[in-house]
PDB file of N, CA and C in Angstrom:
ATOM      1  N   MET A   1       0.770  -1.053  -0.043  1.00  0.00           N
ATOM      2  CA  MET A   1      -0.151  -0.010  -0.059  1.00  0.00           C
ATOM      3  C   MET A   1       0.899   1.255   0.192  1.00  0.00           C
ATOM      4  N   LYS A   2       0.606   2.167  -0.713  1.00  0.00           N
ATOM      5  CA  LYS A   2       1.127   3.395  -0.711  1.00  0.00           C
ATOM      6  C   LYS A   2       0.414   4.601  -0.135  1.00  0.00           C
ATOM      7  N   VAL A   3       1.029   5.305   0.510  1.00  0.00           N
ATOM      8  CA  VAL A   3       0.469   6.485   1.357  1.00  0.00           C
ATOM      9  C   VAL A   3       1.342   7.807   1.015  1.00  0.00           C
ATOM     10  N   LEU A   4       0.480   8.744   0.355  1.00  0.00           N
ATOM     11  CA  LEU A   4       1.050  10.178   0.289  1.00  0.00           C
ATOM     12  C   LEU A   4       0.419  11.110   1.182  1.00  0.00           C
ATOM     13  N   ILE A   5       1.553  11.692   1.975  1.00  0.00           N
ATOM     14  CA  ILE A   5       1.211  12.716   2.767  1.00  0.00           C
ATOM     15  C   ILE A   5       1.614  13.928   2.276  1.00  0.00           C
ATOM     16  N   VAL A   6       0.708  14.843   2.038  1.00  0.00           N
ATOM     17  CA  VAL A   6       0.858  16.319   1.548  1.00  0.00           C
ATOM     18  C   VAL A   6       0.635  17.340   2.684  1.00  0.00           C
ATOM     19  N   SER A   7       1.572  18.120   2.610  1.00  0.00           N
ATOM     20  CA  SER A   7       1.511  19.317   3.710  1.00  0.00           C
ATOM     21  C   SER A   7       1.595  20.781   3.162  1.00  0.00           C
ATOM     22  N   TYR A   8       1.102  21.437   4.133  1.00  0.00           N
ATOM     23  CA  TYR A   8       1.555  23.046   3.604  1.00  0.00           C
ATOM     24  C   TYR A   8       1.789  23.476   5.349  1.00  0.00           C
ATOM     25  N   SER A   9       2.841  24.061   5.504  1.00  0.00           N
ATOM     26  CA  SER A   9       3.222  24.552   6.949  1.00  0.00           C
ATOM     27  C   SER A   9       3.964  25.730   6.815  1.00  0.00           C
ATOM     28  N   MET A  10       3.244  26.850   7.485  1.00  0.00           N
ATOM     29  CA  MET A  10       4.119  28.091   7.289  1.00  0.00           C
ATOM     30  C   MET A  10       5.112  28.032   8.420  1.00  0.00           C
ATOM     31  N   TYR A  11       4.765  27.602   9.678  1.00  0.00           N
ATOM     32  CA  TYR A  11       5.487  27.496  10.940  1.00  0.00           C
ATOM     33  C   TYR A  11       6.135  26.217  11.116  1.00  0.00           C
ATOM     34  N   ASP A  12       6.267  25.315  10.398  1.00  0.00           N
ATOM     35  CA  ASP A  12       6.646  24.035  10.641  1.00  0.00           C
ATOM     36  C   ASP A  12       5.818  23.178  11.589  1.00  0.00           C
ATOM     37  N   ARG A  13       4.935  23.765  12.330  1.00  0.00           N
ATOM     38  CA  ARG A  13       4.119  22.928  13.169  1.00  0.00           C
ATOM     39  C   ARG A  13       3.121  21.701  12.458  1.00  0.00           C
ATOM     40  N   VAL A  14       2.560  21.941  11.516  1.00  0.00           N
ATOM     41  CA  VAL A  14       1.906  21.007  10.438  1.00  0.00           C
ATOM     42  C   VAL A  14       2.936  20.000   9.871  1.00  0.00           C
ATOM     43  N   GLN A  15       4.220  20.507   9.528  1.00  0.00           N
ATOM     44  CA  GLN A  15       5.186  19.569   8.954  1.00  0.00           C
ATOM     45  C   GLN A  15       5.388  18.611   9.881  1.00  0.00           C
ATOM     46  N   ARG A  16       5.545  19.012  11.011  1.00  0.00           N
ATOM     47  CA  ARG A  16       5.963  18.061  12.275  1.00  0.00           C
ATOM     48  C   ARG A  16       4.972  17.087  12.547  1.00  0.00           C
ATOM     49  N   MET A  17       3.891  17.500  12.584  1.00  0.00           N
ATOM     50  CA  MET A  17       2.850  16.547  12.502  1.00  0.00           C
ATOM     51  C   MET A  17       2.777  15.723  11.256  1.00  0.00           C
ATOM     52  N   ALA A  18       2.856  16.255  10.263  1.00  0.00           N
ATOM     53  CA  ALA A  18       2.984  15.181   9.132  1.00  0.00           C
ATOM     54  C   ALA A  18       4.080  14.183   8.848  1.00  0.00           C
ATOM     55  N   GLU A  19       5.130  14.533   9.499  1.00  0.00           N
ATOM     56  CA  GLU A  19       6.259  13.599   9.789  1.00  0.00           C
ATOM     57  C   GLU A  19       6.163  12.526  10.565  1.00  0.00           C
ATOM     58  N   ALA A  20       5.314  13.074  11.645  1.00  0.00           N
ATOM     59  CA  ALA A  20       4.860  11.980  12.686  1.00  0.00           C
ATOM     60  C   ALA A  20       3.865  11.030  12.236  1.00  0.00           C
ATOM     61  N   VAL A  21       2.818  11.168  11.326  1.00  0.00           N
ATOM     62  CA  VAL A  21       1.895  10.510  10.710  1.00  0.00           C
ATOM     63  C   VAL A  21       2.706   9.545   9.774  1.00  0.00           C
ATOM     64  N   ALA A  22       3.633  10.186   8.890  1.00  0.00           N
ATOM     65  CA  ALA A  22       4.595   9.353   7.966  1.00  0.00           C
ATOM     66  C   ALA A  22       5.167   8.249   8.973  1.00  0.00           C
ATOM     67  N   GLU A  23       5.759   8.602  10.182  1.00  0.00           N
ATOM     68  CA  GLU A  23       6.294   7.516  11.002  1.00  0.00           C
ATOM     69  C   GLU A  23       5.684   6.687  11.557  1.00  0.00           C
ATOM     70  N   GLY A  24       4.424   6.693  11.831  1.00  0.00           N
ATOM     71  CA  GLY A  24       3.415   6.096  12.397  1.00  0.00           C
ATOM     72  C   GLY A  24       2.921   5.245  10.891  1.00  0.00           C
ATOM     73  N   ALA A  25       2.738   5.643  10.038  1.00  0.00           N
ATOM     74  CA  ALA A  25       2.414   4.922   8.932  1.00  0.00           C
ATOM     75  C   ALA A  25       3.236   3.991   8.328  1.00  0.00           C
ATOM     76  N   SER A  26       4.403   4.086   8.557  1.00  0.00           N
ATOM     77  CA  SER A  26       5.445   3.307   8.041  1.00  0.00           C
ATOM     78  C   SER A  26       5.822   2.256   8.780  1.00  0.00           C
ATOM     79  N   VAL A  27       5.337   1.955   9.984  1.00  0.00           N
ATOM     80  CA  VAL A  27       5.647   0.921  10.937  1.00  0.00           C
ATOM     81  C   VAL A  27       4.785  -0.492  10.361  1.00  0.00           C
ATOM     82  N   PHE A  28       3.954   0.038   9.458  1.00  0.00           N
ATOM     83  CA  PHE A  28       2.846  -1.263   9.202  1.00  0.00           C
ATOM     84  C   PHE A  28       3.540  -1.971   7.911  1.00  0.00           C
ATOM     85  N   LYS A  29       3.855  -3.169   7.848  1.00  0.00           N
ATOM     86  CA  LYS A  29       4.440  -4.183   6.833  1.00  0.00           C
ATOM     87  C   LYS A  29       3.786  -3.834   5.443  1.00  0.00           C
ATOM     88  N   GLY A  30       4.637  -3.682   4.650  1.00  0.00           N
ATOM     89  CA  GLY A  30       3.878  -3.086   3.259  1.00  0.00           C
ATOM     90  C   GLY A  30       3.643  -1.959   2.897  1.00  0.00           C
ATOM     91  N   VAL A  31       3.570  -1.043   3.868  1.00  0.00           N
ATOM     92  CA  VAL A  31       3.513   0.482   3.730  1.00  0.00           C
ATOM     93  C   VAL A  31       4.563   1.313   3.121  1.00  0.00           C
ATOM     94  N   GLU A  32       4.244   1.855   2.137  1.00  0.00           N
ATOM     95  CA  GLU A  32       5.055   2.833   1.369  1.00  0.00           C
ATOM     96  C   GLU A  32       4.928   4.131   1.665  1.00  0.00           C
ATOM     97  N   VAL A  33       5.554   4.967   2.415  1.00  0.00           N
ATOM     98  CA  VAL A  33       5.269   6.395   2.796  1.00  0.00           C
ATOM     99  C   VAL A  33       5.994   7.361   1.758  1.00  0.00           C
ATOM    100  N   ALA A  34       5.243   8.256   1.118  1.00  0.00           N
ATOM    101  CA  ALA A  34       5.696   9.316   0.533  1.00  0.00           C
ATOM    102  C   ALA A  34       5.183  10.675   1.164  1.00  0.00           C
ATOM    103  N   MET A  35       6.042  11.521   0.942  1.00  0.00           N
ATOM    104  CA  MET A  35       6.043  13.083   1.480  1.00  0.00           C
ATOM    105  C   MET A  35       5.962  14.056   0.633  1.00  0.00           C
ATOM    106  N   ARG A  36       4.961  14.999   0.372  1.00  0.00           N
ATOM    107  CA  ARG A  36       5.246  16.007  -0.362  1.00  0.00           C
ATOM    108  C   ARG A  36       4.792  17.348   0.457  1.00  0.00           C
ATOM    109  N   ARG A  37       5.641  18.156   0.538  1.00  0.00           N
ATOM    110  CA  ARG A  37       5.344  19.539   0.985  1.00  0.00           C
ATOM    111  C   ARG A  37       5.044  20.587   0.058  1.00  0.00           C
ATOM    112  N   VAL A  38       3.751  21.072   0.102  1.00  0.00           N
ATOM    113  CA  VAL A  38       3.435  22.424  -0.806  1.00  0.00           C
ATOM    114  C   VAL A  38       4.505  23.392  -0.437  1.00  0.00           C
ATOM    115  N   PRO A  39       5.060  24.177  -1.399  1.00  0.00           N
ATOM    116  CA  PRO A  39       5.756  25.247  -1.462  1.00  0.00           C
ATOM    117  C   PRO A  39       5.316  26.665  -0.771  1.00  0.00           C
ATOM    118  N   GLU A  40       5.808  27.381  -0.324  1.00  0.00           N
ATOM    119  CA  GLU A  40       5.173  28.675   0.336  1.00  0.00           C
ATOM    120  C   GLU A  40       4.669  29.503  -0.837  1.00  0.00           C
ATOM    121  N   MET A  41       3.258  29.951  -0.604  1.00  0.00           N
ATOM    122  CA  MET A  41       2.703  30.601  -1.516  1.00  0.00           C
ATOM    123  C   MET A  41       2.685  32.276  -1.181  1.00  0.00           C
ATOM    124  N   LEU A  42       3.145  32.707  -0.175  1.00  0.00           N
ATOM    125  CA  LEU A  42       3.049  33.922  -0.093  1.00  0.00           C
ATOM    126  C   LEU A  42       4.354  34.595  -0.684  1.00  0.00           C
ATOM    127  N   PRO A  43       4.327  35.881  -1.028  1.00  0.00           N
ATOM    128  CA  PRO A  43       5.371  36.641  -1.514  1.00  0.00           C
ATOM    129  C   PRO A  43       6.640  36.724  -0.362  1.00  0.00           C
ATOM    130  N   ALA A  44       7.923  36.526  -0.736  1.00  0.00           N
ATOM    131  CA  ALA A  44       8.812  36.183   0.400  1.00  0.00           C
ATOM    132  C   ALA A  44       8.626  37.587   1.198  1.00  0.00           C
ATOM    133  N   GLU A  45       8.493  38.893   1.032  1.00  0.00           N
ATOM    134  CA  GLU A  45       8.347  39.924   1.992  1.00  0.00           C
ATOM    135  C   GLU A  45       7.144  39.840   2.884  1.00  0.00           C
ATOM    136  N   VAL A  46       5.889  39.372   2.364  1.00  0.00           N
ATOM    137  CA  VAL A  46       4.672  39.161   3.387  1.00  0.00           C
ATOM    138  C   VAL A  46       5.191  38.020   4.247  1.00  0.00           C
ATOM    139  N   PHE A  47       6.101  36.928   3.728  1.00  0.00           N
ATOM    140  CA  PHE A  47       6.159  35.876   4.346  1.00  0.00           C
ATOM    141  C   PHE A  47       7.177  36.149   5.940  1.00  0.00           C
ATOM    142  N   GLU A  48       8.151  37.154   5.376  1.00  0.00           N
ATOM    143  CA  GLU A  48       9.125  37.604   6.234  1.00  0.00           C
ATOM    144  C   GLU A  48       8.382  38.457   7.530  1.00  0.00           C
ATOM    145  N   ASN A  49       7.499  39.163   7.225  1.00  0.00           N
ATOM    146  CA  ASN A  49       6.518  40.265   7.905  1.00  0.00           C
ATOM    147  C   ASN A  49       5.872  39.070   8.998  1.00  0.00           C
ATOM    148  N   VAL A  50       5.332  38.126   8.544  1.00  0.00           N
ATOM    149  CA  VAL A  50       4.551  37.079   9.215  1.00  0.00           C
ATOM    150  C   VAL A  50       5.401  36.310  10.297  1.00  0.00           C
ATOM    151  N   LEU A  51       6.401  35.878   9.673  1.00  0.00           N
ATOM    152  CA  LEU A  51       7.333  35.374  10.623  1.00  0.00           C
ATOM    153  C   LEU A  51       8.006  36.198  11.756  1.00  0.00           C
ATOM    154  N   ALA A  52       8.356  37.464  11.299  1.00  0.00           N
ATOM    155  CA  ALA A  52       8.493  38.284  12.394  1.00  0.00           C
ATOM    156  C   ALA A  52       7.645  38.907  13.372  1.00  0.00           C
ATOM    157  N   ALA A  53       6.313  38.828  13.078  1.00  0.00           N
ATOM    158  CA  ALA A  53       5.215  39.129  13.910  1.00  0.00           C
ATOM    159  C   ALA A  53       5.106  37.538  14.699  1.00  0.00           C
ATOM    160  N   ALA A  54       5.067  36.604  14.303  1.00  0.00           N
ATOM    161  CA  ALA A  54       5.119  35.372  15.090  1.00  0.00           C
ATOM    162  C   ALA A  54       6.173  35.149  15.938  1.00  0.00           C
ATOM    163  N   ARG A  55       7.545  35.650  15.828  1.00  0.00           N
ATOM    164  CA  ARG A  55       8.598  35.556  16.501  1.00  0.00           C
ATOM    165  C   ARG A  55       8.395  36.661  17.685  1.00  0.00           C
ATOM    166  N   PHE A  56       7.806  37.936  17.474  1.00  0.00           N
ATOM    167  CA  PHE A  56       7.539  38.889  18.586  1.00  0.00           C
ATOM    168  C   PHE A  56       6.481  38.264  19.413  1.00  0.00           C
ATOM    169  N   GLN A  57       5.397  37.642  18.843  1.00  0.00           N
ATOM    170  CA  GLN A  57       4.246  37.013  19.749  1.00  0.00           C
ATOM    171  C   GLN A  57       4.912  36.202  20.562  1.00  0.00           C
ATOM    172  N   GLU A  58       5.724  35.227  20.065  1.00  0.00           N
ATOM    173  CA  GLU A  58       6.213  34.175  20.635  1.00  0.00           C
ATOM    174  C   GLU A  58       7.036  34.305  22.101  1.00  0.00           C
ATOM    175  N   LYS A  59       7.909  35.698  21.924  1.00  0.00           N
ATOM    176  CA  LYS A  59       8.721  36.132  22.908  1.00  0.00           C
ATOM    177  C   LYS A  59       7.790  37.273  23.729  1.00  0.00           C
ATOM    178  N   TYR A  60       6.678  37.723  23.446  1.00  0.00           N
ATOM    179  CA  TYR A  60       5.714  38.272  24.350  1.00  0.00           C
ATOM    180  C   TYR A  60       5.113  37.160  25.361  1.00  0.00           C
ATOM    181  N   VAL A  61       4.751  36.008  24.721  1.00  0.00           N
ATOM    182  CA  VAL A  61       3.737  34.993  25.534  1.00  0.00           C
ATOM    183  C   VAL A  61       4.974  34.631  26.390  1.00  0.00           C
ATOM    184  N   VAL A  62       6.392  34.271  26.291  1.00  0.00           N
ATOM    185  CA  VAL A  62       7.245  33.917  27.102  1.00  0.00           C
ATOM    186  C   VAL A  62       7.436  34.884  28.380  1.00  0.00           C
ATOM    187  N   MET A  63       7.519  36.221  27.898  1.00  0.00           N
ATOM    188  CA  MET A  63       7.634  37.093  28.894  1.00  0.00           C
ATOM    189  C   MET A  63       6.382  37.218  30.021  1.00  0.00           C
ATOM    190  N   ILE A  64       5.172  37.024  29.497  1.00  0.00           N
ATOM    191  CA  ILE A  64       3.996  37.126  30.184  1.00  0.00           C
ATOM    192  C   ILE A  64       4.003  35.839  31.265  1.00  0.00           C
ATOM    193  N   ALA A  65       4.381  34.844  30.582  1.00  0.00           N
ATOM    194  CA  ALA A  65       4.557  33.500  31.197  1.00  0.00           C
ATOM    195  C   ALA A  65       5.752  33.504  32.389  1.00  0.00           C
ATOM    196  N   SER A  66       6.801  34.251  32.026  1.00  0.00           N
ATOM    197  CA  SER A  66       7.712  34.186  33.139  1.00  0.00           C
ATOM    198  C   SER A  66       7.358  35.402  34.199  1.00  0.00           C
ATOM    199  N   LYS A  67       6.583  36.255  33.889  1.00  0.00           N
ATOM    200  CA  LYS A  67       6.111  37.074  34.735  1.00  0.00           C
ATOM    201  C   LYS A  67       5.072  36.468  35.663  1.00  0.00           C
ATOM    202  N   LEU A  68       4.179  35.591  35.165  1.00  0.00           N
ATOM    203  CA  LEU A  68       3.485  34.987  35.961  1.00  0.00           C
ATOM    204  C   LEU A  68       4.215  34.095  36.973  1.00  0.00           C
ATOM    205  N   ALA A  69       5.260  33.254  36.327  1.00  0.00           N
ATOM    206  CA  ALA A  69       5.952  32.454  37.347  1.00  0.00           C
ATOM    207  C   ALA A  69       6.815  33.176  38.168  1.00  0.00           C
ATOM    208  N   GLY A  70       7.022  34.479  38.100  1.00  0.00           N
ATOM    209  CA  GLY A  70       7.760  35.136  39.108  1.00  0.00           C
ATOM    210  C   GLY A  70       9.472  35.180  38.444  1.00  0.00           C
ATOM    211  N   ASN A  71       9.559  34.809  37.205  1.00  0.00           N
ATOM    212  CA  ASN A  71      11.174  34.781  36.724  1.00  0.00           C
ATOM    213  C   ASN A  71      11.329  35.907  36.113  1.00  0.00           C
ATOM    214  N   ARG A  72      11.777  36.970  36.727  1.00  0.00           N
ATOM    215  CA  ARG A  72      12.099  38.339  36.163  1.00  0.00           C
ATOM    216  C   ARG A  72      13.485  38.281  35.208  1.00  0.00           C
ATOM    217  N   ARG A  73      14.303  37.315  35.556  1.00  0.00           N
ATOM    218  CA  ARG A  73      15.565  37.266  34.875  1.00  0.00           C
ATOM    219  C   ARG A  73      15.271  36.913  33.163  1.00  0.00           C
ATOM    220  N   GLU A  74      14.147  36.146  33.218  1.00  0.00           N
ATOM    221  CA  GLU A  74      13.611  35.639  31.658  1.00  0.00           C
ATOM    222  C   GLU A  74      13.072  36.904  31.074  1.00  0.00           C
ATOM    223  N   ILE A  75      12.391  37.530  31.778  1.00  0.00           N
ATOM    224  CA  ILE A  75      11.714  39.019  31.129  1.00  0.00           C
ATOM    225  C   ILE A  75      12.764  39.739  30.763  1.00  0.00           C
ATOM    226  N   ILE A  76      13.590  40.188  31.497  1.00  0.00           N
ATOM    227  CA  ILE A  76      14.974  41.115  30.961  1.00  0.00           C
ATOM    228  C   ILE A  76      15.543  40.471  29.735  1.00  0.00           C
ATOM    229  N   ASP A  77      16.118  39.089  29.828  1.00  0.00           N
ATOM    230  CA  ASP A  77      16.575  38.615  28.608  1.00  0.00           C
ATOM    231  C   ASP A  77      15.594  38.556  27.450  1.00  0.00           C
ATOM    232  N   ALA A  78      14.410  38.228  27.531  1.00  0.00           N
ATOM    233  CA  ALA A  78      13.552  38.246  26.358  1.00  0.00           C
ATOM    234  C   ALA A  78      13.383  39.750  25.967  1.00  0.00           C
ATOM    235  N   MET A  79      13.509  40.592  26.546  1.00  0.00           N
ATOM    236  CA  MET A  79      13.311  42.115  26.146  1.00  0.00           C
ATOM    237  C   MET A  79      14.476  42.715  25.365  1.00  0.00           C
ATOM    238  N   ARG A  80      15.488  42.098  26.036  1.00  0.00           N
ATOM    239  CA  ARG A  80      17.290  42.433  25.257  1.00  0.00           C
ATOM    240  C   ARG A  80      17.034  41.858  23.919  1.00  0.00           C
ATOM    241  N   GLU A  81      16.156  40.898  23.789  1.00  0.00           N
ATOM    242  CA  GLU A  81      16.524  40.282  22.406  1.00  0.00           C
ATOM    243  C   GLU A  81      15.644  40.945  21.195  1.00  0.00           C
ATOM    244  N   THR A  82      14.781  41.457  21.611  1.00  0.00           N
ATOM    245  CA  THR A  82      13.674  42.153  20.950  1.00  0.00           C
ATOM    246  C   THR A  82      14.208  43.619  20.241  1.00  0.00           C
TER     247      THR A  82
END
């Protein structure tokens, strides 16, 4: 049996899930897994802006989580990286 897994992943989260599905499917005897990734469809400048926003959002979430946990050193380090 042949299994084709097609994925589109802007932030690699979906890609990691697709790889896990491929790994799981490949354990069955007689299964041949092929993966295809759809290329990025956004223009390069839009894609870079989206990635920059995501990185900023991720740092912001880390800062809030650190503050809630009382770890002020992580907040300061995260703010220096921005």
